[in-house]
């Protein structure tokens, strides 16, 4: 992700200053967005793993990875907008009706 941002900034920069050369290892460290999420979900820190499973983080993941058709995304949105005390069965019906 950092590499993509750096490339964009270097290519689209209108500044007259010279960009500093970065080591080859930096340019070789291209990481796919989905890989970033996998690393967060497998973090050795419990707090990071737990946060990655919170419904709003999971919604963000679906949006960032452009997984807009995900049944998980539809379930998470339904859960986030469901009235307090909504039963699991009515929540499942709501998700299925979103298809």
Protein backbone atom coordinates (compact mmCIF):
# COMPACT_ATOMS: atom_id res chain seq x y z
CA UNK A 1 0.00 0.00 0.00
CA UNK A 2 2.79 2.42 0.94
CA UNK A 3 4.55 1.63 -2.32
CA UNK A 4 1.44 2.50 -4.34
CA UNK A 5 1.05 5.81 -2.50
CA UNK A 6 4.74 6.62 -2.96
CA UNK A 7 4.56 5.85 -6.68
CA UNK A 8 1.45 8.01 -7.05
CA UNK A 9 3.06 10.93 -5.21
CA UNK A 10 6.24 10.72 -7.27
CA UNK A 11 4.35 10.47 -10.56
CA UNK A 12 1.81 13.22 -9.82
CA UNK A 13 4.03 15.58 -7.85
CA UNK A 14 4.13 19.17 -9.05
CA UNK A 15 6.88 20.13 -6.60
CA UNK A 16 10.23 21.24 -7.97
CA UNK A 17 12.14 19.27 -5.36
CA UNK A 18 14.03 16.06 -6.05
CA UNK A 19 12.56 12.88 -4.55
CA UNK A 20 14.88 10.99 -2.23
CA UNK A 21 15.95 7.57 -3.50
CA UNK A 22 14.50 4.68 -1.53
CA UNK A 23 16.19 1.30 -1.11
CA UNK A 24 15.24 -1.54 -3.45
CA UNK A 25 13.79 -3.47 -0.50
CA UNK A 26 11.16 -0.74 -0.11
CA UNK A 27 9.99 -1.11 -3.70
CA UNK A 28 9.93 -4.90 -3.38
CA UNK A 29 7.55 -4.75 -0.41
CA UNK A 30 4.33 -4.42 -2.40
CA UNK A 31 1.48 -5.66 -0.23
CA UNK A 32 -1.99 -6.45 -1.48
CA UNK A 33 -4.83 -4.82 0.49
CA UNK A 34 -6.38 -8.20 1.31
CA UNK A 35 -3.00 -9.32 2.68
CA UNK A 36 -3.01 -6.34 5.05
CA UNK A 37 -6.37 -7.49 6.42
CA UNK A 38 -5.13 -11.08 6.77
CA UNK A 39 -2.15 -9.84 8.77
CA UNK A 40 -4.41 -7.78 11.04
CA UNK A 41 -6.72 -10.76 11.61
CA UNK A 42 -3.71 -12.97 12.46
CA UNK A 43 -1.88 -10.40 14.59
CA UNK A 44 -0.04 -11.66 17.65
CA UNK A 45 -1.73 -8.84 19.61
CA UNK A 46 -5.11 -9.96 20.88
CA UNK A 47 -6.48 -6.42 20.84
CA UNK A 48 -5.75 -6.06 17.11
CA UNK A 49 -7.28 -9.47 16.31
CA UNK A 50 -10.35 -8.59 18.36
CA UNK A 51 -10.73 -5.20 16.70
CA UNK A 52 -10.50 -6.75 13.24
CA UNK A 53 -13.65 -8.76 14.06
CA UNK A 54 -15.79 -5.82 15.19
CA UNK A 55 -18.71 -5.33 12.83
CA UNK A 56 -17.77 -1.82 11.72
CA UNK A 57 -14.21 -2.93 10.94
CA UNK A 58 -15.59 -5.85 8.95
CA UNK A 59 -17.86 -3.46 7.03
CA UNK A 60 -14.83 -1.25 6.31
CA UNK A 61 -12.92 -4.31 5.09
CA UNK A 62 -15.72 -5.21 2.66
CA UNK A 63 -15.88 -1.63 1.39
CA UNK A 64 -12.11 -1.23 1.05
CA UNK A 65 -11.68 -4.56 -0.74
CA UNK A 66 -14.71 -3.77 -2.93
CA UNK A 67 -16.53 -6.88 -1.69
CA UNK A 68 -19.90 -5.17 -1.94
CA UNK A 69 -21.79 -8.36 -2.82
CA UNK A 70 -20.57 -10.19 0.26
CA UNK A 71 -23.28 -11.87 2.28
CA UNK A 72 -21.14 -11.03 5.30
CA UNK A 73 -21.37 -7.34 4.42
CA UNK A 74 -25.14 -7.54 4.11
CA UNK A 75 -25.36 -9.38 7.44
CA UNK A 76 -23.12 -6.84 9.15
CA UNK A 77 -25.12 -3.90 7.83
CA UNK A 78 -28.35 -5.58 8.92
CA UNK A 79 -26.89 -6.26 12.37
CA UNK A 80 -25.64 -2.70 12.70
CA UNK A 81 -29.02 -1.23 11.79
CA UNK A 82 -31.26 -3.77 13.54
CA UNK A 83 -33.41 -2.55 16.41
CA UNK A 84 -32.26 -3.52 19.90
CA UNK A 85 -33.64 -6.94 20.81
CA UNK A 86 -34.08 -8.05 17.20
CA UNK A 87 -34.11 -11.85 17.01
CA UNK A 88 -31.51 -13.76 15.03
CA UNK A 89 -34.17 -15.33 12.82
CA UNK A 90 -35.66 -11.97 11.80
CA UNK A 91 -32.13 -10.66 11.18
CA UNK A 92 -31.43 -13.65 8.89
CA UNK A 93 -34.66 -13.00 7.00
CA UNK A 94 -33.64 -9.37 6.54
CA UNK A 95 -30.26 -10.42 5.14
CA UNK A 96 -31.80 -12.95 2.76
CA UNK A 97 -34.21 -10.31 1.46
CA UNK A 98 -31.22 -8.11 0.54
CA UNK A 99 -30.06 -10.62 -2.09
